[in-house]
Amino acid sequence: MSAGMAVGAGTNIIGGAIKAAAAAMAQQKAFEEFQAEQARQTGYANEAGGQWRTSLQGATADTARQQMEAGRQQRLMNFANVAQVQLQPGGSHAMTMQDNAKLGAMSKSRARLGSYSDWALEQTLRDIKTQQELNRITSFAGGTAGVFPYKEDAALHAYDWLALIGNSIQQVGGAGGDTMDYFNRGTKGSAATTNKTSQAPGWGDYYDTEGRG
C-alpha cells in the first residue's frame, strides 16, 4: 500500500468515526426528546384522570344524600325566617297555630322537593367545571404534541455540523492521499529517467568483443 493510500484510508476511518458519532448523538438526543414528550403526555393523562375521578366522587349516592340534606336544611331555615315576619303593623302576629302547622308542613315538602333541584344544580355546575378542566388539559396536550415533531427533527439534525466535519476530513484525506501518490509517482519517474540516461549505450556498445558491428 502506498503512503497516499495509507493516508487516505486513515482519514477515511477518522472521518467515518466522527460521522458515526454524530449520528449516534443525534439519535440519543431525539430519543431524549421522545421520552420528554412521553412524560408530558403521561402527566396530562394523569391530570385528566384525576379530574375525572374527582367528578365521579361527587356523583355518588352518599354525596347526593349529603347535598340534598344540606339543601333541605337551608330551605327549612329560610321558610322559618319567613314565618317570623310580622304581617300586621304594630307588631301583632296574625298567624294562628293552624296557619303555622300548615306552613310547617308546606315548608317541609317544599324543602325536600327543592333539595332535588339543589342537588341537580350542584351536579350540573360540577360537570361544567370538570369539562372545562378536561378541555384545558386536552388543549395543552394537543399543543405540546403538535410541537413535538419539530423538536424531534431539530434533535436529529443537532449534530449535522459534526457530521460535516467528518465528511470534510474524509474528502481532504482522500485528496491528500491522491496528491501524495501523484508526487511519489513523479519522483520515481524522474529517478528512472535519470538512471536510464546515465546508462545510455556508447559507440563501442554497438560492437561485440570481436569488433563486429
Protein backbone atom coordinates (compact mmCIF):
# COMPACT_ATOMS: atom_id res chain seq x y z
CA MET A 1 0.00 0.00 0.00
CA SER A 2 1.37 3.39 -0.94
CA ALA A 3 1.76 6.25 1.52
CA GLY A 4 -1.06 8.18 -0.16
CA MET A 5 -3.40 5.22 0.11
CA ALA A 6 -2.48 4.82 3.78
CA VAL A 7 -3.20 8.48 4.47
CA GLY A 8 -6.48 8.30 2.58
CA ALA A 9 -7.54 5.15 4.44
CA GLY A 10 -6.62 6.68 7.81
CA THR A 11 -8.51 9.91 7.26
CA ASN A 12 -11.46 7.97 5.86
CA ILE A 13 -11.61 5.93 9.07
CA ILE A 14 -11.35 9.04 11.25
CA GLY A 15 -13.96 10.93 9.26
CA GLY A 16 -16.28 7.93 9.27
CA ALA A 17 -15.90 7.57 13.03
CA ILE A 18 -16.79 11.24 13.53
CA LYS A 19 -19.86 10.92 11.32
CA ALA A 20 -20.95 7.77 13.15
CA ALA A 21 -20.54 9.54 16.48
CA ALA A 22 -22.61 12.48 15.23
CA ALA A 23 -25.39 10.14 14.09
CA ALA A 24 -25.37 8.29 17.42
CA MET A 25 -25.56 11.51 19.43
CA ALA A 26 -28.38 12.81 17.24
CA GLN A 27 -30.33 9.58 17.74
CA GLN A 28 -29.79 9.82 21.50
CA LYS A 29 -30.97 13.42 21.58
CA ALA A 30 -34.06 12.51 19.54
CA PHE A 31 -34.80 9.65 21.92
CA GLU A 32 -34.50 12.01 24.89
CA GLU A 33 -36.98 14.37 23.22
CA PHE A 34 -39.34 11.43 22.75
CA GLN A 35 -39.03 10.46 26.41
CA ALA A 36 -39.67 14.05 27.50
CA GLU A 37 -42.78 14.28 25.33
CA GLN A 38 -43.98 10.92 26.60
CA ALA A 39 -43.56 12.15 30.18
CA ARG A 40 -45.51 15.33 29.38
CA GLN A 41 -48.36 13.40 27.79
CA THR A 42 -48.43 10.98 30.72
CA GLY A 43 -48.67 13.95 33.07
CA TYR A 44 -51.60 15.36 31.11
CA ALA A 45 -53.32 11.98 31.15
CA ASN A 46 -52.84 11.64 34.90
CA GLU A 47 -54.18 15.15 35.47
CA ALA A 48 -57.24 14.44 33.33
CA GLY A 49 -57.81 11.16 35.16
CA GLY A 50 -57.63 12.96 38.50
CA GLN A 51 -60.23 15.49 37.37
CA TRP A 52 -62.50 12.71 36.16
CA ARG A 53 -62.16 10.72 39.40
CA THR A 54 -62.94 13.81 41.45
CA SER A 55 -66.03 14.38 39.35
CA LEU A 56 -67.17 10.79 39.83
CA GLN A 57 -66.70 11.02 43.58
CA GLY A 58 -69.08 13.95 43.58
CA ALA A 59 -71.73 11.87 41.80
CA THR A 60 -72.04 9.04 44.34
CA ALA A 61 -75.24 8.26 46.24
CA ASP A 62 -73.70 9.34 49.55
CA THR A 63 -72.70 12.68 48.09
CA ALA A 64 -76.16 13.13 46.63
CA ARG A 65 -77.79 12.45 50.04
CA GLN A 66 -75.46 14.91 51.76
CA GLN A 67 -76.08 17.63 49.19
CA MET A 68 -79.86 17.13 49.25
CA GLU A 69 -79.95 17.13 53.04
CA ALA A 70 -77.89 20.32 53.13
CA GLY A 71 -80.27 21.91 50.62
CA ARG A 72 -83.31 20.78 52.61
CA GLN A 73 -81.96 22.21 55.85
CA GLN A 74 -81.13 25.50 54.17
CA ARG A 75 -84.63 25.79 52.75
CA LEU A 76 -86.26 24.94 56.09
CA MET A 77 -84.23 27.70 57.68
CA ASN A 78 -85.36 30.13 55.01
CA PHE A 79 -89.01 29.15 55.48
CA ALA A 80 -88.68 29.50 59.26
CA ASN A 81 -87.34 33.01 58.84
CA VAL A 82 -90.30 33.86 56.61
CA ALA A 83 -92.71 32.55 59.26
CA GLN A 84 -91.28 35.03 61.76
CA VAL A 85 -92.19 38.00 59.59
CA GLN A 86 -94.92 40.16 61.24
CA LEU A 87 -97.79 40.61 58.84
CA GLN A 88 -99.66 43.45 60.58
CA PRO A 89 -98.49 46.94 61.52
CA GLY A 90 -97.66 47.41 65.16
CA GLY A 91 -96.02 44.05 65.58
CA SER A 92 -99.03 41.81 66.17
CA HIS A 93 -98.77 38.38 64.62
CA ALA A 94 -101.79 37.42 62.63
CA MET A 95 -100.91 33.75 62.02
CA THR A 96 -102.69 31.16 64.11
CA MET A 97 -101.34 27.82 65.27
CA GLN A 98 -103.21 26.20 62.39
CA ASP A 99 -101.52 28.54 59.96
CA ASN A 100 -98.17 27.71 61.48
CA ALA A 101 -98.83 23.99 61.16
CA LYS A 102 -99.83 24.34 57.53
CA LEU A 103 -96.81 26.48 56.81
CA GLY A 104 -94.57 23.97 58.57
CA ALA A 105 -95.93 21.07 56.53
CA MET A 106 -95.65 23.00 53.31
CA SER A 107 -92.16 24.12 54.21
CA LYS A 108 -91.00 20.53 54.79
CA SER A 109 -92.48 19.36 51.47
CA ARG A 110 -91.07 22.27 49.55
CA ALA A 111 -87.72 21.94 51.24
CA ARG A 112 -87.48 18.28 50.31
CA LEU A 113 -88.62 18.94 46.76
CA GLY A 114 -86.25 21.88 46.43
CA SER A 115 -83.36 19.79 47.69
CA TYR A 116 -83.54 17.71 44.50
CA SER A 117 -83.20 20.80 42.33
CA ASP A 118 -80.33 22.00 44.52
CA TRP A 119 -78.57 18.67 44.05
CA ALA A 120 -79.22 18.72 40.27
CA LEU A 121 -77.84 22.26 40.05
CA GLU A 122 -74.76 21.21 42.03
CA GLN A 123 -74.19 18.29 39.67
CA THR A 124 -74.58 20.50 36.62
CA LEU A 125 -72.08 23.03 37.93
CA ARG A 126 -69.63 20.25 38.80
CA ASP A 127 -69.95 18.72 35.33
CA ILE A 128 -69.37 22.09 33.70
CA LYS A 129 -66.26 22.70 35.80
CA THR A 130 -64.95 19.20 35.06
CA GLN A 131 -65.50 19.64 31.32
CA GLN A 132 -63.70 22.98 31.37
CA GLU A 133 -60.70 21.41 33.11
CA LEU A 134 -60.65 18.50 30.67
CA ASN A 135 -60.80 20.90 27.73
CA ARG A 136 -57.89 22.88 29.18
CA ILE A 137 -55.78 19.74 29.65
CA THR A 138 -56.65 18.48 26.17
CA SER A 139 -55.65 21.82 24.67
CA PHE A 140 -52.26 21.76 26.39
CA ALA A 141 -51.67 18.13 25.43
CA GLY A 142 -52.54 18.82 21.81
CA GLY A 143 -50.31 21.89 21.73
CA THR A 144 -47.22 20.05 23.01
CA ALA A 145 -47.92 17.09 20.73
CA GLY A 146 -48.12 19.42 17.75
CA VAL A 147 -44.72 20.95 18.55
CA PHE A 148 -43.03 17.58 19.20
CA PRO A 149 -42.28 16.67 15.51
CA TYR A 150 -40.34 19.93 15.12
CA LYS A 151 -38.36 19.22 18.30
CA GLU A 152 -37.66 15.70 17.06
CA ASP A 153 -36.45 16.98 13.70
CA ALA A 154 -34.23 19.58 15.38
CA ALA A 155 -32.74 16.85 17.59
CA LEU A 156 -31.99 14.63 14.60
CA HIS A 157 -30.09 17.50 12.95
CA ALA A 158 -28.44 18.82 16.11
CA TYR A 159 -25.06 17.33 15.19
CA ASP A 160 -25.06 17.94 11.45
CA TRP A 161 -22.11 20.28 11.98
CA LEU A 162 -20.07 17.41 13.42
CA ALA A 163 -21.04 15.09 10.58
CA LEU A 164 -19.97 17.83 8.14
CA ILE A 165 -16.56 17.95 9.81
CA GLY A 166 -16.21 14.18 9.46
CA ASN A 167 -17.21 14.35 5.81
CA SER A 168 -14.69 17.15 5.19
CA ILE A 169 -11.92 15.12 6.82
CA GLN A 170 -12.70 12.20 4.53
CA GLN A 171 -12.66 14.40 1.46
CA VAL A 172 -9.47 16.24 2.43
CA GLY A 173 -7.77 12.98 3.37
CA GLY A 174 -8.66 11.39 0.05
CA ALA A 175 -7.41 14.37 -1.91
CA GLY A 176 -4.21 14.49 0.15
CA GLY A 177 -3.56 10.81 -0.45
CA ASP A 178 -4.04 11.23 -4.18
CA THR A 179 -1.64 14.18 -4.17
CA MET A 180 1.00 12.21 -2.32
CA ASP A 181 0.70 9.35 -4.78
CA TYR A 182 0.96 11.77 -7.68
CA PHE A 183 4.18 13.31 -6.38
CA ASN A 184 5.60 9.92 -5.48
CA ARG A 185 4.98 8.66 -9.00
CA GLY A 186 6.54 11.81 -10.41
CA THR A 187 9.63 11.42 -8.23
CA LYS A 188 10.08 7.79 -9.17
CA GLY A 189 9.60 8.60 -12.83
CA SER A 190 12.24 11.32 -12.69
CA ALA A 191 14.70 8.99 -10.95
CA ALA A 192 14.13 6.27 -13.51
CA THR A 193 14.66 8.71 -16.38
CA THR A 194 17.87 9.99 -14.83
CA ASN A 195 19.15 6.46 -14.26
CA LYS A 196 18.32 5.41 -17.82
CA THR A 197 20.06 8.46 -19.22
CA SER A 198 23.20 7.79 -17.22
CA GLN A 199 23.27 4.24 -18.52
CA ALA A 200 22.81 5.14 -22.23
CA PRO A 201 24.95 2.96 -24.51
CA GLY A 202 28.14 4.40 -26.04
CA TRP A 203 29.56 3.87 -29.54
CA GLY A 204 31.54 0.82 -28.50
CA ASP A 205 28.41 -0.89 -27.16
CA TYR A 206 27.21 -1.48 -30.71
CA TYR A 207 30.17 -3.80 -31.37
CA ASP A 208 30.83 -7.16 -29.86
CA THR A 209 34.12 -8.23 -28.42
CA GLU A 210 35.34 -9.39 -31.81
CA GLY A 211 34.86 -5.98 -33.33
CA ARG A 212 31.86 -6.92 -35.41
CA GLY A 213 29.08 -4.46 -35.79
